[in-house]
Amino acid sequence: MSIAIEAKNISLSYDMAEGKSDLERHWIFKDLNFQIKAGEFILLTGPSGCGKSSLMNIINGVIANLKDVYIRGDVYIQGQQMTGCSVQERTAFVGSVFQNAREQIIFDKVRDEIVFPMENIGETPQKMRDNLNTLLDMTGLLPDAQTASLSGGEKQKLMTACTLAMGQKVLLLDEPLANMDRRSAKQLLTLLKQLSENENYTIVVIEHRQELVLPHADKVFSCIQSPLPNVNMELKIYENKRDYQPYVYSHIKQKENEIADLKETIFFVKDIDYCIGERFLFKHFSWEIKKGERWVIVGDNGCGKTTMLRLLYGFEKPTSGHIVSQYTKIEKRKSIGYILQNPDYQLFMPRVKDELYLHSTSPEFVEELIRLFEFEDMLDRHPLSLSEGQKRKLGVACVIANEPSILFLDEPTVGLDSESIEQVFYSLTLLKKRTREDLTTISVSHDKRAIPYLGNKILNLNKIEV
């Protein structure tokens, strides 16, 4: 069996200072060596911020070509040395689906987005039509759907379809299941496994939802803490995936709110309709939320989970019906902490510490959150230079620091390892202690690991068939 990906003595550091020795420089990883055979399905996992995405971006050429880093070593893809090759040259061999699908979308319509990469590689019109129909069937997307109106999970499926349209035999996918419901995630993983087994595709999936990926993976590459003092991580390769033990929660305890029914109503959704064009997301929908309740909204991609949060907050208005709240618009801004699905939309200050202290009510509480989330060594970094998992933790910490009495959490565990998820849940406990009142939480999640800890009441939304 041929070698699809080979790394020889790969080392990476974001420390660009001149004249430093190896012992003085901080390394993300140092002298990594590994091989991945053609047709293998690899699960790459490890703690948030350990360097998984950086390793993927060394393979596809984003790092070194598009970022200022200190890097050495060689990468080979399908036997071809990639050192010195541009991102464009590498795309002939490797396709990538990145964590933030929104940043990859160019066109207004789904059809145009999928066809565009095929046009770039000179596919015939008939081949493009056939591939388009196959990819639409695979994703369940509508060809004329507006890309801006897609849910986070649907955007992830769209970018996966675009990558498959290119036909590269090496596919790198960074958190592809992050915003997908379980049914969509299983469909995607089944397809990737079929490509691996039947058509000799090499698949590398970076993912924290390990319980979904493990049944399909051939091997596990686990990023573990390096014993060297100036090196962040090293790889442990499990040739037999049965030898790998997925991480589990250890310290989180769920508490049921037994007296929630006695509390006052803070949101009352009364017989609402909500349409996007001619498509109904909600029809004659009613719901009541009382103070102190902990709700989790679940359902397939595109069923309206994020839209419901936006309706409750007031970002959107129902097509008909009413949403009644005891809070005015100004009171909502003060009382509701909104953790968005994409942390980039909430981070705009030049340093991590500026974000944390921006609207905080207590410097002492911020210092406690800094210790909890282990931000001590990154306070002077630009927030957007952090990993996706670190950015998500920072977004949570910034909202918690404002001490809201109501929390909207839209996919708060995406991109987080087990320890980071525990930090998020413990921060909610700290918030509840500080506010000294019943904390109301309304969460959206596909993460089966997290749902039992996010709430004890479930709202299951279904797509409305027209």
Protein backbone atom coordinates (compact mmCIF):
# COMPACT_ATOMS: atom_id res chain seq x y z
CA MET A 1 0.00 0.00 0.00
CA SER A 2 1.43 3.39 -1.02
CA ILE A 3 2.09 6.25 1.39
CA ALA A 4 -0.39 9.15 1.02
CA ILE A 5 1.04 11.53 3.65
CA GLU A 6 4.50 11.48 5.21
CA ALA A 7 5.98 13.95 7.70
CA LYS A 8 9.73 14.00 8.28
CA ASN A 9 11.08 15.91 11.30
CA ILE A 10 8.32 18.53 11.18
CA SER A 11 8.78 21.33 13.74
CA LEU A 12 6.60 24.41 14.22
CA SER A 13 6.95 27.53 16.37
CA TYR A 14 5.05 30.81 16.36
CA ASP A 15 8.00 32.38 18.18
CA MET A 16 9.61 34.42 15.40
CA ALA A 17 12.35 36.02 17.51
CA GLU A 18 15.73 35.97 15.75
CA GLY A 19 18.80 34.30 17.23
CA LYS A 20 17.06 31.90 19.60
CA SER A 21 18.33 28.39 20.07
CA ASP A 22 16.03 25.36 19.97
CA LEU A 23 16.01 25.25 23.77
CA GLU A 24 15.00 28.92 24.00
CA ARG A 25 12.24 28.80 21.41
CA HIS A 26 8.71 27.56 22.30
CA TRP A 27 7.55 24.83 19.93
CA ILE A 28 4.00 23.77 19.11
CA PHE A 29 5.54 20.43 18.14
CA LYS A 30 9.09 19.38 17.34
CA ASP A 31 10.57 16.70 15.06
CA LEU A 32 7.29 14.93 14.29
CA ASN A 33 7.54 11.86 12.06
CA PHE A 34 4.60 9.81 10.80
CA GLN A 35 3.16 8.07 7.75
CA ILE A 36 -0.45 7.67 6.60
CA LYS A 37 -1.16 5.06 3.97
CA ALA A 38 -3.44 5.56 0.99
CA GLY A 39 -6.99 4.53 1.84
CA GLU A 40 -6.61 4.93 5.61
CA PHE A 41 -9.19 6.75 7.74
CA ILE A 42 -7.43 8.61 10.58
CA LEU A 43 -8.98 10.26 13.63
CA LEU A 44 -6.72 13.09 14.85
CA THR A 45 -7.70 14.20 18.33
CA GLY A 46 -6.35 15.94 21.40
CA PRO A 47 -6.89 18.90 23.76
CA SER A 48 -8.07 22.28 22.48
CA GLY A 49 -5.15 24.45 21.35
CA CYS A 50 -2.64 21.58 21.25
CA GLY A 51 -1.79 22.08 17.56
CA LYS A 52 -4.14 19.76 15.63
CA SER A 53 -5.28 22.45 13.17
CA SER A 54 -1.69 23.67 12.85
CA LEU A 55 -0.60 20.20 11.81
CA MET A 56 -3.36 20.03 9.20
CA ASN A 57 -2.36 23.45 7.88
CA ILE A 58 1.26 22.38 7.52
CA ILE A 59 0.12 19.50 5.31
CA ASN A 60 -2.13 21.66 3.10
CA GLY A 61 0.37 24.53 2.98
CA VAL A 62 -1.66 27.25 4.73
CA ILE A 63 1.07 27.50 7.36
CA ALA A 64 4.36 28.72 5.90
CA ASN A 65 2.63 30.17 2.83
CA LEU A 66 0.00 32.33 4.50
CA LYS A 67 1.22 32.74 8.08
CA ASP A 68 4.42 34.02 9.70
CA VAL A 69 5.86 31.01 11.50
CA TYR A 70 9.16 29.27 12.13
CA ILE A 71 8.93 25.87 10.46
CA ARG A 72 11.28 23.16 9.33
CA GLY A 73 11.07 19.60 8.07
CA ASP A 74 9.46 18.07 5.00
CA VAL A 75 5.96 16.96 4.00
CA TYR A 76 5.31 14.44 1.22
CA ILE A 77 1.86 13.89 -0.31
CA GLN A 78 1.42 10.85 -2.56
CA GLY A 79 5.19 10.65 -2.83
CA GLN A 80 5.64 14.27 -3.94
CA GLN A 81 7.72 16.57 -1.74
CA MET A 82 5.55 19.57 -0.81
CA THR A 83 8.20 21.69 0.91
CA GLY A 84 8.26 25.03 -0.91
CA CYS A 85 5.03 24.31 -2.84
CA SER A 86 2.25 26.91 -2.69
CA VAL A 87 -1.25 26.27 -1.35
CA GLN A 88 -2.53 26.25 -4.94
CA GLU A 89 0.01 23.63 -5.99
CA ARG A 90 -0.92 21.42 -3.05
CA THR A 91 -4.63 21.54 -3.88
CA ALA A 92 -3.89 19.22 -6.79
CA PHE A 93 -3.24 16.53 -4.16
CA VAL A 94 -5.14 17.48 -0.99
CA GLY A 95 -8.57 18.92 -0.20
CA SER A 96 -9.34 20.70 3.08
CA VAL A 97 -12.51 21.47 5.03
CA PHE A 98 -11.70 24.07 7.67
CA GLN A 99 -13.26 24.64 11.10
CA ASN A 100 -15.05 27.84 10.13
CA ALA A 101 -17.10 26.96 7.06
CA ARG A 102 -18.47 30.50 6.78
CA GLU A 103 -15.07 31.83 5.79
CA GLN A 104 -14.92 29.50 2.77
CA ILE A 105 -18.30 30.40 1.23
CA ILE A 106 -18.17 32.73 -1.79
CA PHE A 107 -21.48 32.49 -3.69
CA ASP A 108 -25.08 33.28 -2.81
CA LYS A 109 -26.54 29.97 -3.98
CA VAL A 110 -25.65 26.41 -3.04
CA ARG A 111 -25.51 25.26 -6.68
CA ASP A 112 -22.96 27.93 -7.64
CA GLU A 113 -20.78 27.16 -4.61
CA ILE A 114 -20.52 23.46 -5.47
CA VAL A 115 -20.03 23.98 -9.21
CA PHE A 116 -17.31 26.63 -8.82
CA PRO A 117 -14.44 24.27 -7.81
CA MET A 118 -15.36 21.90 -10.64
CA GLU A 119 -15.19 24.76 -13.12
CA ASN A 120 -11.73 25.62 -11.81
CA ILE A 121 -10.39 22.14 -12.59
CA GLY A 122 -12.00 22.06 -16.06
CA GLU A 123 -14.70 19.43 -15.59
CA THR A 124 -17.09 18.92 -18.52
CA PRO A 125 -20.65 20.31 -18.18
CA GLN A 126 -22.11 16.78 -18.03
CA LYS A 127 -19.62 15.71 -15.36
CA MET A 128 -20.43 18.83 -13.33
CA ARG A 129 -24.18 18.14 -13.53
CA ASP A 130 -23.71 14.53 -12.47
CA ASN A 131 -21.40 15.44 -9.58
CA LEU A 132 -23.69 18.27 -8.48
CA ASN A 133 -26.71 15.95 -8.28
CA THR A 134 -24.69 13.33 -6.38
CA LEU A 135 -23.40 15.87 -3.86
CA LEU A 136 -26.82 17.44 -3.36
CA ASP A 137 -28.28 14.01 -2.66
CA MET A 138 -25.46 13.31 -0.22
CA THR A 139 -25.91 16.53 1.74
CA GLY A 140 -29.67 17.01 1.45
CA LEU A 141 -29.08 20.63 0.38
CA LEU A 142 -31.32 22.41 -2.11
CA PRO A 143 -29.56 23.77 -5.22
CA ASP A 144 -31.29 27.17 -5.11
CA ALA A 145 -30.97 27.66 -1.34
CA GLN A 146 -29.31 30.90 -0.24
CA THR A 147 -25.97 30.12 1.41
CA ALA A 148 -26.45 32.97 3.89
CA SER A 149 -29.65 31.34 5.19
CA LEU A 150 -28.04 27.94 5.87
CA SER A 151 -27.50 26.79 9.44
CA GLY A 152 -23.99 26.22 10.76
CA GLY A 153 -24.27 22.48 10.13
CA GLU A 154 -25.62 22.98 6.61
CA LYS A 155 -22.70 25.31 5.80
CA GLN A 156 -20.31 22.63 7.02
CA LYS A 157 -22.00 20.08 4.73
CA LEU A 158 -21.79 22.53 1.83
CA MET A 159 -18.03 22.98 2.26
CA THR A 160 -17.56 19.23 2.50
CA ALA A 161 -19.48 18.83 -0.78
CA CYS A 162 -17.30 21.50 -2.44
CA THR A 163 -14.16 19.71 -1.32
CA LEU A 164 -15.42 16.35 -2.59
CA ALA A 165 -16.23 18.04 -5.91
CA MET A 166 -12.52 18.68 -6.45
CA GLY A 167 -11.77 14.95 -6.55
CA GLN A 168 -8.52 14.99 -4.53
CA LYS A 169 -7.70 11.60 -3.02
CA VAL A 170 -6.41 13.08 0.26
CA LEU A 171 -9.03 14.84 2.39
CA LEU A 172 -8.34 16.80 5.59
CA LEU A 173 -11.40 17.76 7.64
CA ASP A 174 -11.10 20.02 10.70
CA GLU A 175 -14.06 19.56 13.08
CA PRO A 176 -16.50 18.70 10.24
CA LEU A 177 -19.15 17.48 12.71
CA ALA A 178 -18.98 20.57 14.91
CA ASN A 179 -22.40 21.96 14.05
CA MET A 180 -24.01 18.83 12.63
CA ASP A 181 -26.87 16.86 14.15
CA ARG A 182 -26.15 13.18 14.76
CA ARG A 183 -28.05 11.97 11.69
CA SER A 184 -26.11 14.30 9.36
CA ALA A 185 -22.84 13.47 11.09
CA LYS A 186 -23.38 9.74 10.63
CA GLN A 187 -24.31 10.25 6.96
CA LEU A 188 -21.10 12.21 6.33
CA LEU A 189 -18.91 9.70 8.17
CA THR A 190 -20.51 6.79 6.30
CA LEU A 191 -19.78 8.53 3.00
CA LEU A 192 -16.16 9.22 3.99
CA LYS A 193 -15.70 5.61 5.04
CA GLN A 194 -17.09 4.41 1.71
CA LEU A 195 -14.66 6.69 -0.13
CA SER A 196 -11.83 5.29 1.99
CA GLU A 197 -12.71 1.62 1.55
CA ASN A 198 -14.03 1.59 -2.01
CA GLU A 199 -12.14 4.37 -3.80
CA ASN A 200 -8.86 4.53 -1.85
CA TYR A 201 -9.40 8.04 -0.46
CA THR A 202 -7.15 8.98 2.46
CA ILE A 203 -9.24 10.65 5.17
CA VAL A 204 -7.91 12.63 8.15
CA VAL A 205 -10.62 13.93 10.51
CA ILE A 206 -9.87 16.27 13.41
CA GLU A 207 -12.74 15.86 15.84
CA HIS A 208 -13.68 16.02 19.53
CA ARG A 209 -16.91 14.04 19.03
CA GLN A 210 -14.85 10.88 19.10
CA GLU A 211 -17.71 8.51 19.82
CA LEU A 212 -19.08 9.25 16.33
CA VAL A 213 -15.78 8.95 14.44
CA LEU A 214 -14.15 5.98 16.17
CA PRO A 215 -16.35 3.27 14.57
CA HIS A 216 -15.19 4.47 11.15
CA ALA A 217 -11.49 5.16 11.89
CA ASP A 218 -8.66 2.75 11.10
CA LYS A 219 -6.15 4.45 13.41
CA VAL A 220 -6.08 7.20 16.02
CA PHE A 221 -3.45 9.93 16.14
CA SER A 222 -3.65 11.43 19.64
CA CYS A 223 -1.96 14.72 20.50
CA ILE A 224 -0.55 14.41 24.02
CA GLN A 225 1.42 16.78 26.20
CA SER A 226 5.13 16.65 25.48
CA PRO A 227 7.50 15.90 28.39
CA LEU A 228 9.90 18.51 27.02
CA PRO A 229 9.53 21.88 28.78
CA ASN A 230 9.51 24.05 25.65
CA VAL A 231 7.37 21.78 23.43
CA ASN A 232 3.56 21.84 23.45
CA MET A 233 2.64 18.40 22.13
CA GLU A 234 3.75 15.15 20.53
CA LEU A 235 1.82 12.47 18.63
CA LYS A 236 0.90 9.06 19.99
CA ILE A 237 -0.23 6.76 17.21
CA TYR A 238 -2.65 3.93 17.94
CA GLU A 239 -2.26 1.44 15.11
CA ASN A 240 -5.13 -0.52 16.67
CA LYS A 241 -7.92 1.90 17.58
CA ARG A 242 -9.17 -0.54 20.24
CA ASP A 243 -6.10 0.40 22.31
CA TYR A 244 -7.23 4.03 22.42
CA GLN A 245 -9.41 5.11 25.35
CA PRO A 246 -11.55 8.19 24.58
CA TYR A 247 -11.64 10.83 27.28
CA VAL A 248 -14.73 11.07 29.44
CA TYR A 249 -16.11 13.61 31.88
CA SER A 250 -14.84 13.23 35.41
CA HIS A 251 -15.87 16.14 37.61
CA ILE A 252 -19.19 17.45 36.33
CA LYS A 253 -22.29 16.79 38.39
CA GLN A 254 -25.76 17.51 37.12
CA LYS A 255 -28.29 19.16 39.43
CA GLU A 256 -31.98 19.05 38.64
CA ASN A 257 -34.01 22.19 39.20
CA GLU A 258 -37.01 20.69 40.96
CA ILE A 259 -38.84 23.94 41.66
CA ALA A 260 -38.61 25.53 38.21
CA ASP A 261 -42.36 25.20 37.69
CA LEU A 262 -42.95 27.59 40.58
CA LYS A 263 -40.91 30.37 38.98
CA GLU A 264 -42.18 33.29 36.98
CA THR A 265 -42.36 33.21 33.18
CA ILE A 266 -39.65 35.28 31.48
CA PHE A 267 -40.38 34.36 27.83
CA PHE A 268 -43.72 33.37 26.36
CA VAL A 269 -43.81 32.35 22.70
CA LYS A 270 -47.41 32.45 21.53
CA ASP A 271 -48.56 30.84 18.26
CA ILE A 272 -45.74 32.17 16.08
CA ASP A 273 -45.01 31.59 12.40
CA TYR A 274 -41.58 32.33 10.98
CA CYS A 275 -40.76 32.12 7.27
CA ILE A 276 -37.62 32.41 5.20
CA GLY A 277 -38.96 33.13 1.74
CA GLU A 278 -41.63 30.49 1.26
CA ARG A 279 -40.11 28.08 3.77
CA PHE A 280 -41.66 27.79 7.25
CA LEU A 281 -39.23 27.28 10.12
CA PHE A 282 -42.01 27.64 12.70
CA LYS A 283 -45.77 27.29 12.24
CA HIS A 284 -48.26 27.89 15.08
CA PHE A 285 -45.42 27.38 17.55
CA SER A 286 -45.80 28.11 21.29
CA TRP A 287 -43.35 27.77 24.18
CA GLU A 288 -42.94 29.03 27.74
CA ILE A 289 -39.66 29.62 29.61
CA LYS A 290 -39.59 30.24 33.34
CA LYS A 291 -36.92 31.80 35.50
CA GLY A 292 -34.28 29.27 36.57
CA GLU A 293 -35.07 26.70 33.88
CA ARG A 294 -32.29 25.06 31.90
CA TRP A 295 -33.41 24.27 28.35
CA VAL A 296 -31.53 22.54 25.54
CA ILE A 297 -32.82 22.97 21.98
CA VAL A 298 -32.03 19.97 19.76
CA GLY A 299 -32.97 18.92 16.23
CA ASP A 300 -31.65 18.42 12.72
CA ASN A 301 -29.57 21.03 10.92
CA GLY A 302 -31.72 23.82 9.51
CA CYS A 303 -34.73 23.23 11.78
CA GLY A 304 -34.48 26.68 13.40
CA LYS A 305 -32.50 26.22 16.63
CA THR A 306 -30.29 29.28 16.25
CA THR A 307 -33.22 31.23 14.79
CA MET A 308 -35.20 30.55 17.97
CA LEU A 309 -32.46 32.15 20.08
CA ARG A 310 -32.43 35.15 17.76
CA LEU A 311 -36.22 35.46 18.02
CA LEU A 312 -36.11 35.36 21.82
CA TYR A 313 -33.37 37.98 21.96
CA GLY A 314 -35.07 40.22 19.44
CA PHE A 315 -32.59 39.99 16.57
CA GLU A 316 -35.44 38.55 14.47
CA LYS A 317 -39.19 39.08 14.55
CA PRO A 318 -41.80 36.36 13.93
CA THR A 319 -43.78 36.51 10.70
CA SER A 320 -46.93 36.30 12.82
CA GLY A 321 -47.78 35.66 16.46
CA HIS A 322 -46.08 37.15 19.51
CA ILE A 323 -43.08 36.68 21.79
CA VAL A 324 -43.73 38.27 25.17
CA SER A 325 -40.91 38.97 27.62
CA GLN A 326 -40.76 40.68 31.00
CA TYR A 327 -37.61 42.47 29.78
CA THR A 328 -37.40 45.63 27.67
CA LYS A 329 -34.84 45.81 24.85
CA ILE A 330 -32.38 47.66 27.09
CA GLU A 331 -32.92 45.21 29.95
CA LYS A 332 -32.30 42.28 27.58
CA ARG A 333 -28.88 43.67 26.69
CA LYS A 334 -27.97 43.90 30.37
CA SER A 335 -29.55 40.64 31.54
CA ILE A 336 -28.86 38.22 28.66
CA GLY A 337 -25.42 36.86 27.87
CA TYR A 338 -25.35 35.53 24.31
CA ILE A 339 -22.59 33.08 23.38
CA LEU A 340 -22.65 32.91 19.58
CA GLN A 341 -21.98 29.83 17.48
CA ASN A 342 -19.00 31.56 15.86
CA PRO A 343 -16.69 33.10 18.51
CA ASP A 344 -15.02 35.33 15.90
CA TYR A 345 -18.14 37.51 15.88
CA GLN A 346 -17.67 38.38 19.57
CA LEU A 347 -13.93 39.10 19.66
CA PHE A 348 -12.71 42.49 18.48
CA MET A 349 -10.22 43.86 21.04
CA PRO A 350 -6.44 43.79 20.36
CA ARG A 351 -5.53 41.57 23.34
CA VAL A 352 -7.11 38.71 25.24
CA LYS A 353 -7.05 40.64 28.51
CA ASP A 354 -8.78 43.61 26.87
CA GLU A 355 -11.65 41.33 25.86
CA LEU A 356 -11.97 39.91 29.36
CA TYR A 357 -12.02 43.23 31.18
CA LEU A 358 -14.09 45.13 28.59
CA HIS A 359 -17.53 44.88 30.23
CA SER A 360 -16.63 42.94 33.38
CA THR A 361 -18.33 43.85 36.64
CA SER A 362 -15.50 42.63 38.89
CA PRO A 363 -11.71 42.50 38.22
CA GLU A 364 -11.45 39.79 40.89
CA PHE A 365 -13.97 37.63 39.04
CA VAL A 366 -12.05 38.10 35.78
CA GLU A 367 -8.86 36.93 37.49
CA GLU A 368 -10.72 33.84 38.71
CA LEU A 369 -11.90 33.12 35.15
CA ILE A 370 -8.37 33.61 33.80
CA ARG A 371 -7.11 30.92 36.18
CA LEU A 372 -10.04 28.61 35.43
CA PHE A 373 -9.62 28.79 31.65
CA GLU A 374 -5.80 28.85 31.84
CA PHE A 375 -5.41 32.13 29.96
CA GLU A 376 -2.34 33.27 31.96
CA ASP A 377 0.15 32.75 29.12
CA MET A 378 -1.98 34.29 26.37
CA LEU A 379 -3.27 37.54 27.90
CA ASP A 380 -1.23 39.71 25.52
CA ARG A 381 -2.05 37.68 22.38
CA HIS A 382 -4.52 38.87 19.79
CA PRO A 383 -7.79 36.95 20.33
CA LEU A 384 -8.02 35.90 16.68
CA SER A 385 -4.58 34.29 16.87
CA LEU A 386 -5.93 31.64 19.26
CA SER A 387 -7.12 28.20 18.23
CA GLU A 388 -10.84 27.75 17.60
CA GLY A 389 -11.23 26.00 20.95
CA GLN A 390 -9.36 28.73 22.81
CA LYS A 391 -11.44 31.42 21.08
CA ARG A 392 -14.61 29.63 22.14
CA LYS A 393 -13.45 29.48 25.77
CA LEU A 394 -12.53 33.16 25.61
CA GLY A 395 -15.97 34.07 24.23
CA VAL A 396 -17.62 32.14 27.07
CA ALA A 397 -15.38 33.76 29.70
CA CYS A 398 -16.11 37.27 28.37
CA VAL A 399 -19.87 36.71 28.57
CA ILE A 400 -19.63 35.09 32.03
CA ALA A 401 -17.51 38.03 33.27
CA ASN A 402 -20.48 40.34 32.63
CA GLU A 403 -22.53 38.29 35.15
CA PRO A 404 -25.80 37.95 33.18
CA SER A 405 -28.88 36.35 34.76
CA ILE A 406 -29.90 34.64 31.49
CA LEU A 407 -27.56 32.78 29.14
CA PHE A 408 -28.11 31.89 25.49
CA LEU A 409 -25.49 29.31 24.46
CA ASP A 410 -25.33 28.40 20.77
CA GLU A 411 -23.18 25.26 20.38
CA PRO A 412 -20.91 26.22 23.32
CA THR A 413 -18.84 23.00 23.25
CA VAL A 414 -17.81 22.97 19.58
CA GLY A 415 -14.06 22.48 19.24
CA LEU A 416 -13.55 21.79 22.96
CA ASP A 417 -11.89 18.81 24.59
CA SER A 418 -13.21 17.21 27.77
CA GLU A 419 -11.19 19.38 30.16
CA SER A 420 -12.26 22.57 28.38
CA ILE A 421 -15.91 21.54 28.51
CA GLU A 422 -15.59 20.99 32.24
CA GLN A 423 -14.11 24.48 32.54
CA VAL A 424 -17.12 25.92 30.68
CA PHE A 425 -19.61 24.15 32.92
CA TYR A 426 -17.74 25.11 36.08
CA SER A 427 -17.79 28.76 34.96
CA LEU A 428 -21.61 28.51 34.88
CA THR A 429 -21.51 27.28 38.47
CA LEU A 430 -19.35 30.26 39.45
CA LEU A 431 -21.76 32.62 37.70
CA LYS A 432 -24.73 31.16 39.51
CA LYS A 433 -22.99 31.63 42.86
CA ARG A 434 -22.12 35.25 42.11
CA THR A 435 -25.55 36.33 40.84
CA ARG A 436 -27.21 34.67 43.86
CA GLU A 437 -30.32 34.03 41.86
CA ASP A 438 -31.66 31.36 39.55
CA LEU A 439 -29.62 31.32 36.34
CA THR A 440 -31.75 30.67 33.26
CA THR A 441 -29.96 28.94 30.38
CA ILE A 442 -31.18 28.19 26.87
CA SER A 443 -28.68 26.16 24.87
CA VAL A 444 -28.42 24.80 21.35
CA SER A 445 -26.33 21.66 21.01
CA HIS A 446 -25.65 18.60 18.87
CA ASP A 447 -23.00 17.37 21.32
CA LYS A 448 -24.34 14.24 22.98
CA ARG A 449 -21.55 14.48 25.57
CA ALA A 450 -22.71 17.88 26.75
CA ILE A 451 -26.52 17.85 26.51
CA PRO A 452 -27.12 16.20 29.93
CA TYR A 453 -25.05 18.91 31.60
CA LEU A 454 -26.45 21.87 29.67
CA GLY A 455 -30.02 21.37 30.82
CA ASN A 456 -32.77 19.19 32.18
CA LYS A 457 -35.51 20.29 29.78
CA ILE A 458 -35.37 19.43 26.06
CA LEU A 459 -37.06 21.27 23.17
CA ASN A 460 -36.85 19.02 20.11
CA LEU A 461 -37.48 20.94 16.89
CA ASN A 462 -38.35 19.25 13.61
CA LYS A 463 -38.20 20.56 10.07
CA ILE A 464 -41.57 21.49 8.67
CA GLU A 465 -42.29 19.55 5.49
CA VAL A 466 -44.15 21.60 2.89
